[in-house]
Amino acid sequence: MPELPEVETVVRSLLPYIRGRTILHAELRSHLVTRGQFALTETALAGAIVQQIRRRGKQIFIDLNRGFLYIHLGMTGKLLWNAQPGKYTRALLELDTGTLLFDDVRQFGRFEFFVDVPPQIANKGPDALSIEFEEFYSRLRQRRGVIKAVLLNQSFVAGIGNIYADELLFAAHVHPRAMVRRISKARARKIYDRMRELLELAVRMRGSSISDYVDSAGNAGAFQNLHRVYGRSGMPCLSCGTAIRRVVVAQRGTHYCPRCQRA
C-alpha cells in the first residue's frame, strides 16, 4: 500500500498540471471505488475548477471551487497523468490541460466527491511530517499495546504503514513488540526523530516501489533500495550480520533485527 512518501510524491508530481485548471468531463466506472450515484457526481465535477491538491497522511484531497475529491490509493491505486485508459481505470477526469486517470486493480481505493468532510475522513491523526514532538509524545502516552500497532493506527499519526513502521523502528533500535507504556521520553524522541528523517528521505527519493506503486508519470521510486529490514527476512542485517526475522505484529508481517532491536 502506498504510504506517506509515495502519496506525497504523487501529489507533488500532479500539482503543476492540475492546480487552477478546469474539469471538462468526469467519467466514473466502479461503484466499489467511487460509491454513490455516478450521474450526480459526474455532473457536479463537470466545470469545477481545481484550487489545490494536497495530502494528509495517505489521503489525497483535490480541492475544487465547489466541494472536493477524496482519493485513497488503497493497495494498488494509481493516479496517472495523460496515460491511456485501460482495463483497470476506475475514474477519469478530463481537464483543459490533460487527463487524470485513477487505476486500481484490486479496487480497495477510493475516488469520491464530497461537499462536507465526513467523520471517517476527519477522524485521522496529525500528519506524520507535521506533528511536533511534544504532541507526538503526549499522544503516545495515551496509547496502550505494542509500538508497531500504535504506529500503524492512523488515528495516532497519519501516513505510516507497514514499510516505514518497520524501517523507522529498526533505525531507532526499538523492538516492534515493545510495550508503549514502557517507552521513555528519550526513546520516544528517538522514534520521532527517525520517523521524520526516514519519511523526509523517502520523499526525496520519490517513495518505495515494491509491487504496484509509480508516480503520476509512471515512474518508480528508489527508496526500496535503502530498505534495511522490510522484505529482507532471512537476509543478514546490514548493521550486525544477524539474520532478519519476520513475525506477525498487529496482523501485519513485520521485519526486524533480533540483535539491533532487542528492546
Protein backbone atom coordinates (compact mmCIF):
# COMPACT_ATOMS: atom_id res chain seq x y z
CA MET A 1 0.00 0.00 0.00
CA PRO A 2 1.35 3.46 -0.86
CA GLU A 3 2.30 5.30 2.34
CA LEU A 4 3.10 8.93 3.09
CA PRO A 5 6.22 9.27 0.88
CA GLU A 6 4.54 7.66 -2.12
CA VAL A 7 1.38 9.74 -1.78
CA GLU A 8 3.40 12.94 -1.30
CA THR A 9 5.33 12.13 -4.48
CA VAL A 10 2.10 11.67 -6.44
CA VAL A 11 0.70 14.97 -5.13
CA ARG A 12 3.86 16.90 -5.99
CA SER A 13 4.02 15.38 -9.46
CA LEU A 14 0.42 16.37 -10.25
CA LEU A 15 0.38 19.85 -8.74
CA PRO A 16 1.81 21.80 -11.72
CA TYR A 17 -0.59 20.13 -14.15
CA ILE A 18 -3.94 20.42 -12.38
CA ARG A 19 -3.91 23.40 -9.99
CA GLY A 20 -6.05 26.20 -11.37
CA ARG A 21 -7.35 24.06 -14.21
CA THR A 22 -10.96 23.25 -15.15
CA ILE A 23 -12.54 19.80 -15.21
CA LEU A 24 -14.30 19.46 -18.55
CA HIS A 25 -15.65 15.95 -18.14
CA ALA A 26 -15.75 13.22 -15.49
CA GLU A 27 -16.27 9.51 -16.03
CA LEU A 28 -16.72 7.11 -13.12
CA ARG A 29 -16.59 3.38 -13.79
CA SER A 30 -16.61 1.50 -10.48
CA HIS A 31 -19.15 1.53 -7.65
CA LEU A 32 -16.58 -0.19 -5.41
CA VAL A 33 -14.16 2.73 -5.76
CA THR A 34 -16.38 5.76 -6.27
CA ARG A 35 -19.58 4.81 -4.40
CA GLY A 36 -22.74 6.91 -4.58
CA GLN A 37 -24.63 7.99 -7.68
CA PHE A 38 -22.41 8.27 -10.74
CA ALA A 39 -24.62 10.70 -12.67
CA LEU A 40 -24.82 13.20 -9.80
CA THR A 41 -21.07 13.07 -9.15
CA GLU A 42 -20.15 13.40 -12.81
CA THR A 43 -22.48 16.38 -13.16
CA ALA A 44 -21.05 18.02 -10.03
CA LEU A 45 -17.47 17.65 -11.28
CA ALA A 46 -18.03 18.95 -14.80
CA GLY A 47 -16.96 22.60 -14.95
CA ALA A 48 -15.36 22.57 -11.48
CA ILE A 49 -12.03 24.36 -11.02
CA VAL A 50 -9.14 22.68 -9.21
CA GLN A 51 -7.92 25.04 -6.49
CA GLN A 52 -5.36 22.79 -4.83
CA ILE A 53 -4.15 19.22 -4.47
CA ARG A 54 -2.84 18.27 -1.03
CA ARG A 55 -2.10 15.32 1.19
CA ARG A 56 -2.85 14.33 4.75
CA GLY A 57 -1.34 11.04 5.79
CA LYS A 58 -2.13 8.60 2.99
CA GLN A 59 -5.14 10.61 1.83
CA ILE A 60 -5.25 12.91 -1.20
CA PHE A 61 -7.59 15.88 -1.44
CA ILE A 62 -8.29 17.74 -4.66
CA ASP A 63 -9.95 20.96 -3.54
CA LEU A 64 -12.44 22.37 -6.02
CA ASN A 65 -14.34 25.65 -6.17
CA ARG A 66 -17.30 23.52 -5.10
CA GLY A 67 -16.57 20.58 -2.81
CA PHE A 68 -13.54 18.32 -3.06
CA LEU A 69 -12.38 14.97 -4.35
CA TYR A 70 -11.19 12.48 -1.75
CA ILE A 71 -8.72 9.91 -3.06
CA HIS A 72 -7.15 6.98 -1.26
CA LEU A 73 -4.87 4.75 -3.30
CA GLY A 74 -5.65 1.64 -1.23
CA MET A 75 -3.42 -1.31 -2.10
CA THR A 76 -2.97 -0.90 -5.85
CA GLY A 77 -4.37 2.51 -6.78
CA LYS A 78 -2.53 4.85 -9.16
CA LEU A 79 -3.15 8.43 -10.25
CA LEU A 80 -1.77 8.76 -13.76
CA TRP A 81 -1.43 11.89 -15.89
CA ASN A 82 -2.10 11.66 -19.63
CA ALA A 83 -1.93 7.87 -19.68
CA GLN A 84 -4.13 5.65 -21.83
CA PRO A 85 -7.30 4.37 -20.08
CA GLY A 86 -7.27 0.61 -19.62
CA LYS A 87 -8.97 -2.38 -18.07
CA TYR A 88 -8.33 -1.17 -14.52
CA THR A 89 -9.24 2.51 -15.00
CA ARG A 90 -11.93 3.24 -12.40
CA ALA A 91 -12.29 7.01 -12.85
CA LEU A 92 -11.26 9.57 -15.44
CA LEU A 93 -11.10 13.36 -15.28
CA GLU A 94 -10.63 15.31 -18.49
CA LEU A 95 -9.14 18.72 -17.69
CA ASP A 96 -8.32 21.58 -20.02
CA THR A 97 -4.63 20.58 -19.80
CA GLY A 98 -4.86 16.79 -19.99
CA THR A 99 -6.42 13.68 -18.50
CA LEU A 100 -6.16 12.31 -14.96
CA LEU A 101 -6.81 8.59 -14.52
CA PHE A 102 -7.43 6.60 -11.37
CA ASP A 103 -6.39 3.00 -11.98
CA ASP A 104 -6.93 0.36 -9.30
CA VAL A 105 -6.56 -3.37 -9.92
CA ARG A 106 -7.97 -4.60 -6.59
CA GLN A 107 -10.46 -1.76 -6.09
CA PHE A 108 -9.62 -1.15 -2.42
CA GLY A 109 -9.00 2.53 -3.16
CA ARG A 110 -11.41 5.48 -3.09
CA PHE A 111 -12.20 8.24 -5.57
CA GLU A 112 -15.14 10.17 -4.13
CA PHE A 113 -16.70 13.62 -4.30
CA PHE A 114 -17.79 15.42 -1.11
CA VAL A 115 -19.11 18.84 -0.19
CA ASP A 116 -18.53 18.40 3.56
CA VAL A 117 -15.83 16.32 5.24
CA PRO A 118 -17.34 13.05 6.56
CA PRO A 119 -16.30 11.71 10.00
CA GLN A 120 -14.33 8.77 8.60
CA ILE A 121 -12.01 11.24 6.88
CA ALA A 122 -11.91 13.86 9.63
CA ASN A 123 -11.04 11.40 12.40
CA LYS A 124 -7.44 10.83 11.33
CA GLY A 125 -4.48 11.78 13.48
CA PRO A 126 -1.99 14.56 12.72
CA ASP A 127 0.20 14.08 9.68
CA ALA A 128 3.45 12.27 10.48
CA LEU A 129 5.51 15.03 8.86
CA SER A 130 3.62 17.86 10.55
CA ILE A 131 3.27 16.74 14.15
CA GLU A 132 5.65 18.26 16.72
CA PHE A 133 7.44 16.03 19.22
CA GLU A 134 5.54 17.15 22.34
CA GLU A 135 2.22 16.31 20.72
CA PHE A 136 3.64 13.03 19.42
CA TYR A 137 4.79 12.08 22.92
CA SER A 138 1.53 13.20 24.53
CA ARG A 139 -0.50 11.10 22.13
CA LEU A 140 1.86 8.14 22.63
CA ARG A 141 1.34 8.27 26.40
CA GLN A 142 -2.40 7.87 25.84
CA ARG A 143 -1.95 4.62 23.93
CA ARG A 144 -1.67 1.01 25.03
CA GLY A 145 -0.26 -2.04 23.30
CA VAL A 146 2.87 -2.56 21.23
CA ILE A 147 4.65 0.24 19.38
CA LYS A 148 4.26 -1.26 15.88
CA ALA A 149 0.47 -1.42 16.24
CA VAL A 150 0.33 2.16 17.51
CA LEU A 151 2.41 3.47 14.61
CA LEU A 152 0.09 1.76 12.13
CA ASN A 153 -3.01 3.30 13.71
CA GLN A 154 -3.94 6.26 11.52
CA SER A 155 -5.79 7.95 14.38
CA PHE A 156 -2.46 8.21 16.23
CA VAL A 157 -0.46 9.76 13.40
CA ALA A 158 -1.46 9.61 9.75
CA GLY A 159 0.78 8.34 6.99
CA ILE A 160 2.83 5.44 8.37
CA GLY A 161 2.22 1.95 7.03
CA ASN A 162 3.99 -1.37 7.26
CA ILE A 163 7.11 -0.42 5.31
CA TYR A 164 8.04 2.72 7.18
CA ALA A 165 6.99 1.38 10.59
CA ASP A 166 9.49 -1.46 10.19
CA GLU A 167 12.21 0.82 8.85
CA LEU A 168 11.89 3.55 11.48
CA LEU A 169 11.79 1.07 14.37
CA PHE A 170 14.99 -0.51 13.06
CA ALA A 171 16.60 2.91 12.75
CA ALA A 172 15.54 3.71 16.33
CA HIS A 173 16.72 0.28 17.64
CA VAL A 174 13.25 -0.44 19.06
CA HIS A 175 11.65 -3.89 19.01
CA PRO A 176 8.29 -3.85 17.18
CA ARG A 177 6.65 -5.57 20.17
CA ALA A 178 7.98 -3.04 22.70
CA MET A 179 5.14 -2.02 25.02
CA VAL A 180 4.25 1.63 24.62
CA ARG A 181 3.78 2.18 28.35
CA ARG A 182 7.46 1.27 28.91
CA ILE A 183 8.87 3.65 26.29
CA SER A 184 10.67 6.56 27.95
CA LYS A 185 10.51 10.09 26.66
CA ALA A 186 14.09 9.76 25.41
CA ARG A 187 13.23 6.64 23.40
CA ALA A 188 10.06 8.29 22.12
CA ARG A 189 12.21 11.18 20.94
CA LYS A 190 14.44 8.74 19.07
CA ILE A 191 11.43 7.12 17.40
CA TYR A 192 10.07 10.54 16.44
CA ASP A 193 13.39 11.74 15.04
CA ARG A 194 13.91 8.57 13.00
CA MET A 195 10.33 8.82 11.72
CA ARG A 196 10.89 12.35 10.44
CA GLU A 197 14.29 11.56 8.94
CA LEU A 198 13.16 8.41 7.15
CA LEU A 199 9.97 9.90 5.76
CA GLU A 200 11.76 13.02 4.53
CA LEU A 201 14.48 10.93 2.87
CA ALA A 202 11.89 8.63 1.28
CA VAL A 203 10.05 11.65 -0.12
CA ARG A 204 13.30 12.93 -1.63
CA MET A 205 13.80 9.51 -3.22
CA ARG A 206 10.21 9.52 -4.54
CA GLY A 207 8.98 6.66 -2.38
CA SER A 208 9.36 2.88 -2.38
CA SER A 209 8.32 0.87 -5.44
CA ILE A 210 7.89 -2.76 -4.41
CA SER A 211 4.95 -4.01 -6.48
CA ASP A 212 2.44 -1.55 -7.94
CA TYR A 213 3.46 1.95 -6.91
CA VAL A 214 4.51 4.52 -9.53
CA ASP A 215 4.14 8.30 -9.61
CA SER A 216 1.73 10.14 -11.92
CA ALA A 217 4.15 9.83 -14.85
CA GLY A 218 4.52 6.07 -14.34
CA ASN A 219 7.99 6.34 -12.79
CA ALA A 220 9.13 4.12 -9.92
CA GLY A 221 10.57 5.38 -6.66
CA ALA A 222 14.03 4.46 -5.35
CA PHE A 223 13.78 4.25 -1.55
CA GLN A 224 13.27 0.47 -1.69
CA ASN A 225 16.98 0.27 -2.45
CA LEU A 226 17.70 1.62 1.04
CA HIS A 227 15.38 -0.68 3.00
CA ARG A 228 17.29 -2.16 5.93
CA VAL A 229 14.75 -4.71 7.17
CA TYR A 230 11.48 -4.59 5.23
CA GLY A 231 11.26 -7.51 2.80
CA ARG A 232 14.66 -8.87 3.92
CA SER A 233 13.56 -11.87 6.01
CA GLY A 234 16.41 -14.35 6.44
CA MET A 235 18.98 -11.99 4.97
CA PRO A 236 21.86 -10.63 7.09
CA CYS A 237 21.31 -7.38 8.94
CA LEU A 238 23.24 -4.65 7.19
CA SER A 239 24.46 -3.37 10.57
CA CYS A 240 25.39 -6.52 12.50
CA GLY A 241 25.02 -9.52 10.18
CA THR A 242 22.28 -11.24 12.21
CA ALA A 243 19.50 -12.79 10.11
CA ILE A 244 16.47 -10.53 9.77
CA ARG A 245 13.34 -12.11 11.22
CA ARG A 246 9.76 -11.89 10.05
CA VAL A 247 6.95 -12.18 12.59
CA VAL A 248 3.32 -11.09 12.68
CA VAL A 249 2.54 -7.99 14.75
CA ALA A 250 -0.87 -6.30 14.65
CA GLN A 251 -1.84 -8.79 11.91
CA ARG A 252 0.93 -7.48 9.69
CA GLY A 253 4.12 -9.12 8.52
CA THR A 254 6.89 -7.41 10.49
CA HIS A 255 10.62 -7.39 9.84
CA TYR A 256 13.26 -6.68 12.47
CA CYS A 257 16.79 -7.50 13.60
CA PRO A 258 16.77 -9.50 16.87
CA ARG A 259 20.19 -8.14 17.81
CA CYS A 260 19.82 -4.46 16.90
CA GLN A 261 16.24 -4.29 18.19
CA ARG A 262 16.38 -6.19 21.46
CA ALA A 263 14.01 -3.99 23.43
